Amino acid sequence: MPSFSGVHGTTSSHAYNIQRVGFIIGSVDEYKRMFGNGVYMYKNDENGKLYAREWAKSKIIKECIEGEYECILIVDFYFDDNEHITWSDEEELGFLEWMNRERKSISPNGKLTREIQNECRMLFVNAAAERMIRPYTVIFANMPFPKHLSNHGKKRYGACVVKNCSILPSPPYIQE
């Protein structure tokens, strides 16, 4: 049974709630993230912790949240071989090339907003997963580092999105 040790960056109040009741995946795709709703985690090492902390800081600044600070939760979990899918760098590159070629047919004005890109990416991921025995619960991918850390988000780093919280252990989690 494979395992993953991840770090999840969040605000202090969200960390408190997660420590009390566990992770909850909302039904509304509030942030229009790369792989839709889910619990996003980066590989548990110094770079992953840096990215998770920076993501939490940017959320606090972007949403003008006062009295909060960034927190990192460390979550180790297991999953079955047939419950995960990997979105490789080659697939991401092929996907972006396709989007650029088809931009006029995807969007009437040819503008590919983040929301449009992420909706299309999920269609590609779901098509790739169609032959799986069970629905995937984890998507592994290399996701971009924040722009200010990596020359406009060009560096990518190992991460995952958990699409079903039932595979995550119950709290408490190690918190930094």
C-alpha atoms as a PDB file:
ATOM      1  CA  MET A   1       0.000   0.000   0.000  1.00  0.00           C
ATOM      2  CA  PRO A   2       1.626   3.284  -1.097  1.00  0.00           C
ATOM      3  CA  SER A   3       1.948   6.233   1.266  1.00  0.00           C
ATOM      4  CA  PHE A   4       2.553   9.973   1.104  1.00  0.00           C
ATOM      5  CA  SER A   5       3.805  12.432   3.697  1.00  0.00           C
ATOM      6  CA  GLY A   6       2.386  15.847   2.896  1.00  0.00           C
ATOM      7  CA  VAL A   7       2.332  19.371   4.233  1.00  0.00           C
ATOM      8  CA  HIS A   8      -0.794  21.487   4.043  1.00  0.00           C
ATOM      9  CA  GLY A   9      -0.480  25.255   4.405  1.00  0.00           C
ATOM     10  CA  THR A  10      -3.384  27.124   5.929  1.00  0.00           C
ATOM     11  CA  THR A  11      -4.347  29.961   8.259  1.00  0.00           C
ATOM     12  CA  SER A  12      -4.263  29.620  12.034  1.00  0.00           C
ATOM     13  CA  SER A  13      -8.064  29.568  12.351  1.00  0.00           C
ATOM     14  CA  HIS A  14      -8.439  26.946   9.627  1.00  0.00           C
ATOM     15  CA  ALA A  15      -5.685  24.866  11.268  1.00  0.00           C
ATOM     16  CA  TYR A  16      -7.605  25.045  14.558  1.00  0.00           C
ATOM     17  CA  ASN A  17     -10.809  23.831  12.845  1.00  0.00           C
ATOM     18  CA  ILE A  18      -8.985  21.065  10.956  1.00  0.00           C
ATOM     19  CA  GLN A  19      -7.394  19.894  14.203  1.00  0.00           C
ATOM     20  CA  ARG A  20     -10.874  19.715  15.781  1.00  0.00           C
ATOM     21  CA  VAL A  21     -12.926  18.034  13.029  1.00  0.00           C
ATOM     22  CA  GLY A  22     -10.502  16.944  10.303  1.00  0.00           C
ATOM     23  CA  PHE A  23     -10.359  18.023   6.680  1.00  0.00           C
ATOM     24  CA  ILE A  24     -13.596  18.816   4.885  1.00  0.00           C
ATOM     25  CA  ILE A  25     -13.846  19.208   1.131  1.00  0.00           C
ATOM     26  CA  GLY A  26     -16.448  21.815   0.278  1.00  0.00           C
ATOM     27  CA  SER A  27     -18.939  21.325  -2.523  1.00  0.00           C
ATOM     28  CA  VAL A  28     -18.284  24.732  -4.081  1.00  0.00           C
ATOM     29  CA  ASP A  29     -15.124  25.160  -6.128  1.00  0.00           C
ATOM     30  CA  GLU A  30     -14.323  28.440  -4.390  1.00  0.00           C
ATOM     31  CA  TYR A  31     -10.742  28.911  -5.521  1.00  0.00           C
ATOM     32  CA  LYS A  32     -10.891  27.423  -9.039  1.00  0.00           C
ATOM     33  CA  ARG A  33      -7.772  25.408  -8.287  1.00  0.00           C
ATOM     34  CA  MET A  34      -5.714  23.353 -10.730  1.00  0.00           C
ATOM     35  CA  PHE A  35      -7.373  20.038  -9.919  1.00  0.00           C
ATOM     36  CA  GLY A  36     -10.697  21.181  -8.493  1.00  0.00           C
ATOM     37  CA  ASN A  37     -11.922  20.697  -4.936  1.00  0.00           C
ATOM     38  CA  GLY A  38      -9.696  18.720  -2.634  1.00  0.00           C
ATOM     39  CA  VAL A  39      -7.067  18.908   0.076  1.00  0.00           C
ATOM     40  CA  TYR A  40      -3.836  20.167  -1.511  1.00  0.00           C
ATOM     41  CA  MET A  41      -0.539  19.055  -0.012  1.00  0.00           C
ATOM     42  CA  TYR A  42       3.084  19.336  -0.969  1.00  0.00           C
ATOM     43  CA  LYS A  43       5.794  16.781  -0.340  1.00  0.00           C
ATOM     44  CA  ASN A  44       6.939  16.900   3.287  1.00  0.00           C
ATOM     45  CA  ASP A  45      10.433  18.364   3.039  1.00  0.00           C
ATOM     46  CA  GLU A  46      11.965  21.837   3.348  1.00  0.00           C
ATOM     47  CA  ASN A  47      10.809  22.997  -0.109  1.00  0.00           C
ATOM     48  CA  GLY A  48       7.312  21.674   0.461  1.00  0.00           C
ATOM     49  CA  LYS A  49       7.116  23.424   3.829  1.00  0.00           C
ATOM     50  CA  LEU A  50       8.351  26.650   2.238  1.00  0.00           C
ATOM     51  CA  TYR A  51       5.688  26.499  -0.463  1.00  0.00           C
ATOM     52  CA  ALA A  52       2.896  25.575   1.971  1.00  0.00           C
ATOM     53  CA  ARG A  53       3.843  28.439   4.286  1.00  0.00           C
ATOM     54  CA  GLU A  54       4.034  30.908   1.378  1.00  0.00           C
ATOM     55  CA  TRP A  55       0.630  29.791   0.107  1.00  0.00           C
ATOM     56  CA  ALA A  56      -0.896  30.387   3.546  1.00  0.00           C
ATOM     57  CA  LYS A  57       0.786  33.809   3.798  1.00  0.00           C
ATOM     58  CA  SER A  58      -0.551  34.814   0.378  1.00  0.00           C
ATOM     59  CA  LYS A  59      -4.078  33.756   1.405  1.00  0.00           C
ATOM     60  CA  ILE A  60      -3.897  35.928   4.524  1.00  0.00           C
ATOM     61  CA  ILE A  61      -2.664  38.915   2.508  1.00  0.00           C
ATOM     62  CA  LYS A  62      -5.009  38.413  -0.464  1.00  0.00           C
ATOM     63  CA  GLU A  63      -8.080  38.062   1.734  1.00  0.00           C
ATOM     64  CA  CYS A  64      -6.958  40.780   4.195  1.00  0.00           C
ATOM     65  CA  ILE A  65      -7.359  38.446   7.165  1.00  0.00           C
ATOM     66  CA  GLU A  66      -6.346  40.191  10.366  1.00  0.00           C
ATOM     67  CA  GLY A  67      -5.039  38.474  13.478  1.00  0.00           C
ATOM     68  CA  GLU A  68      -4.111  35.273  11.614  1.00  0.00           C
ATOM     69  CA  TYR A  69      -0.772  33.630  10.945  1.00  0.00           C
ATOM     70  CA  GLU A  70       0.294  30.849   8.629  1.00  0.00           C
ATOM     71  CA  CYS A  71       0.338  27.236   9.804  1.00  0.00           C
ATOM     72  CA  ILE A  72       1.563  23.989   8.334  1.00  0.00           C
ATOM     73  CA  LEU A  73      -0.099  20.667   9.055  1.00  0.00           C
ATOM     74  CA  ILE A  74       1.831  17.467   8.385  1.00  0.00           C
ATOM     75  CA  VAL A  75      -0.357  14.620   7.185  1.00  0.00           C
ATOM     76  CA  ASP A  76       0.840  11.088   6.450  1.00  0.00           C
ATOM     77  CA  PHE A  77      -1.661   8.867   4.641  1.00  0.00           C
ATOM     78  CA  TYR A  78      -2.001   5.624   2.700  1.00  0.00           C
ATOM     79  CA  PHE A  79      -3.928   4.824  -0.449  1.00  0.00           C
ATOM     80  CA  ASP A  80      -4.517   1.802  -2.664  1.00  0.00           C
ATOM     81  CA  ASP A  81      -2.596   1.318  -5.898  1.00  0.00           C
ATOM     82  CA  ASN A  82      -5.717   1.768  -7.988  1.00  0.00           C
ATOM     83  CA  GLU A  83      -6.940   4.921  -6.197  1.00  0.00           C
ATOM     84  CA  HIS A  84      -4.455   7.428  -7.555  1.00  0.00           C
ATOM     85  CA  ILE A  85      -3.525   9.023 -10.836  1.00  0.00           C
ATOM     86  CA  THR A  86      -0.391  10.949 -11.740  1.00  0.00           C
ATOM     87  CA  TRP A  87      -0.534  14.081 -13.872  1.00  0.00           C
ATOM     88  CA  SER A  88       2.992  14.196 -15.276  1.00  0.00           C
ATOM     89  CA  ASP A  89       4.955  17.220 -16.456  1.00  0.00           C
ATOM     90  CA  GLU A  90       4.633  15.830 -19.997  1.00  0.00           C
ATOM     91  CA  GLU A  91       0.853  15.686 -19.667  1.00  0.00           C
ATOM     92  CA  GLU A  92       0.768  19.259 -18.349  1.00  0.00           C
ATOM     93  CA  LEU A  93       2.947  20.453 -21.244  1.00  0.00           C
ATOM     94  CA  GLY A  94       0.810  18.607 -23.791  1.00  0.00           C
ATOM     95  CA  PHE A  95      -2.322  20.010 -22.198  1.00  0.00           C
ATOM     96  CA  LEU A  96      -0.987  23.599 -22.340  1.00  0.00           C
ATOM     97  CA  GLU A  97       0.049  23.158 -25.987  1.00  0.00           C
ATOM     98  CA  TRP A  98      -3.441  21.866 -26.805  1.00  0.00           C
ATOM     99  CA  MET A  99      -5.040  24.814 -24.988  1.00  0.00           C
ATOM    100  CA  ASN A 100      -2.938  27.316 -26.931  1.00  0.00           C
ATOM    101  CA  ARG A 101      -3.770  25.639 -30.252  1.00  0.00           C
ATOM    102  CA  GLU A 102      -7.493  25.495 -29.449  1.00  0.00           C
ATOM    103  CA  ARG A 103      -7.837  28.777 -27.571  1.00  0.00           C
ATOM    104  CA  LYS A 104     -10.323  30.293 -30.063  1.00  0.00           C
ATOM    105  CA  SER A 105     -12.609  27.258 -29.917  1.00  0.00           C
ATOM    106  CA  ILE A 106     -12.371  27.041 -26.112  1.00  0.00           C
ATOM    107  CA  SER A 107     -13.101  30.696 -25.404  1.00  0.00           C
ATOM    108  CA  PRO A 108     -14.914  33.063 -27.790  1.00  0.00           C
ATOM    109  CA  ASN A 109     -12.453  35.905 -27.132  1.00  0.00           C
ATOM    110  CA  GLY A 110      -9.430  33.582 -27.056  1.00  0.00           C
ATOM    111  CA  LYS A 111      -8.653  34.452 -23.430  1.00  0.00           C
ATOM    112  CA  LEU A 112      -7.884  31.446 -21.276  1.00  0.00           C
ATOM    113  CA  THR A 113      -8.654  32.478 -17.721  1.00  0.00           C
ATOM    114  CA  ARG A 114      -7.391  30.403 -14.838  1.00  0.00           C
ATOM    115  CA  GLU A 115     -10.932  29.138 -14.335  1.00  0.00           C
ATOM    116  CA  ILE A 116     -11.191  27.946 -17.959  1.00  0.00           C
ATOM    117  CA  GLN A 117      -7.752  26.309 -17.817  1.00  0.00           C
ATOM    118  CA  ASN A 118      -8.582  24.449 -14.618  1.00  0.00           C
ATOM    119  CA  GLU A 119     -11.977  23.261 -15.902  1.00  0.00           C
ATOM    120  CA  CYS A 120     -10.303  21.886 -19.040  1.00  0.00           C
ATOM    121  CA  ARG A 121      -7.474  20.308 -17.024  1.00  0.00           C
ATOM    122  CA  MET A 122     -10.020  18.416 -14.900  1.00  0.00           C
ATOM    123  CA  LEU A 123     -11.714  17.121 -18.073  1.00  0.00           C
ATOM    124  CA  PHE A 124      -8.345  15.776 -19.231  1.00  0.00           C
ATOM    125  CA  VAL A 125      -7.588  14.193 -15.847  1.00  0.00           C
ATOM    126  CA  ASN A 126     -11.031  12.585 -15.690  1.00  0.00           C
ATOM    127  CA  ALA A 127     -10.642  11.225 -19.233  1.00  0.00           C
ATOM    128  CA  ALA A 128      -7.265   9.723 -18.289  1.00  0.00           C
ATOM    129  CA  ALA A 129      -8.834   8.120 -15.199  1.00  0.00           C
ATOM    130  CA  GLU A 130     -11.859   6.700 -17.007  1.00  0.00           C
ATOM    131  CA  ARG A 131     -10.344   3.211 -17.250  1.00  0.00           C
ATOM    132  CA  MET A 132      -9.589   2.955 -13.527  1.00  0.00           C
ATOM    133  CA  ILE A 133     -11.252   0.167 -11.543  1.00  0.00           C
ATOM    134  CA  ARG A 134     -12.297   2.564  -8.781  1.00  0.00           C
ATOM    135  CA  PRO A 135     -12.611   6.357  -8.856  1.00  0.00           C
ATOM    136  CA  TYR A 136      -9.300   8.013  -8.026  1.00  0.00           C
ATOM    137  CA  THR A 137      -8.961   9.608  -4.623  1.00  0.00           C
ATOM    138  CA  VAL A 138      -5.515  11.196  -5.081  1.00  0.00           C
ATOM    139  CA  ILE A 139      -3.980  13.142  -7.964  1.00  0.00           C
ATOM    140  CA  PHE A 140      -0.195  13.432  -7.890  1.00  0.00           C
ATOM    141  CA  ALA A 141       1.375  16.250  -9.880  1.00  0.00           C
ATOM    142  CA  ASN A 142       4.214  18.713  -9.930  1.00  0.00           C
ATOM    143  CA  MET A 143       2.638  22.047  -9.119  1.00  0.00           C
ATOM    144  CA  PRO A 144       4.158  25.492  -9.580  1.00  0.00           C
ATOM    145  CA  PHE A 145       6.029  27.322  -6.847  1.00  0.00           C
ATOM    146  CA  PRO A 146       4.735  30.831  -6.055  1.00  0.00           C
ATOM    147  CA  LYS A 147       5.739  33.474  -8.593  1.00  0.00           C
ATOM    148  CA  HIS A 148       7.979  35.417  -6.226  1.00  0.00           C
ATOM    149  CA  LEU A 149       9.968  32.255  -5.401  1.00  0.00           C
ATOM    150  CA  SER A 150      10.417  30.798  -8.858  1.00  0.00           C
ATOM    151  CA  ASN A 151      10.636  33.282 -11.701  1.00  0.00           C
ATOM    152  CA  HIS A 152       6.869  33.691 -12.220  1.00  0.00           C
ATOM    153  CA  GLY A 153       5.792  30.206 -11.166  1.00  0.00           C
ATOM    154  CA  LYS A 154       8.020  28.338 -13.645  1.00  0.00           C
ATOM    155  CA  LYS A 155       9.540  25.948 -11.092  1.00  0.00           C
ATOM    156  CA  ARG A 156       7.368  22.982 -10.210  1.00  0.00           C
ATOM    157  CA  TYR A 157       7.329  20.769  -7.158  1.00  0.00           C
ATOM    158  CA  GLY A 158       5.880  17.411  -6.034  1.00  0.00           C
ATOM    159  CA  ALA A 159       2.406  17.617  -4.547  1.00  0.00           C
ATOM    160  CA  CYS A 160      -0.949  15.898  -4.410  1.00  0.00           C
ATOM    161  CA  VAL A 161      -4.634  16.634  -4.190  1.00  0.00           C
ATOM    162  CA  VAL A 162      -6.750  14.361  -2.020  1.00  0.00           C
ATOM    163  CA  LYS A 163     -10.230  14.229  -3.535  1.00  0.00           C
ATOM    164  CA  ASN A 164     -11.794  12.079  -0.802  1.00  0.00           C
ATOM    165  CA  CYS A 165     -11.029  12.797   2.864  1.00  0.00           C
ATOM    166  CA  SER A 166     -11.884   9.245   3.932  1.00  0.00           C
ATOM    167  CA  ILE A 167      -8.275   8.186   3.211  1.00  0.00           C
ATOM    168  CA  LEU A 168      -6.846  10.843   5.538  1.00  0.00           C
ATOM    169  CA  PRO A 169      -6.173   9.949   9.166  1.00  0.00           C
ATOM    170  CA  SER A 170      -8.197  11.640  11.871  1.00  0.00           C
ATOM    171  CA  PRO A 171      -6.658  14.603  13.711  1.00  0.00           C
ATOM    172  CA  PRO A 172      -4.616  15.663  15.512  1.00  0.00           C
ATOM    173  CA  TYR A 173      -1.887  16.380  12.968  1.00  0.00           C
ATOM    174  CA  ILE A 174       1.612  17.618  13.606  1.00  0.00           C
ATOM    175  CA  GLN A 175       1.455  21.414  13.334  1.00  0.00           C
ATOM    176  CA  GLU A 176       4.262  23.868  12.628  1.00  0.00           C
END
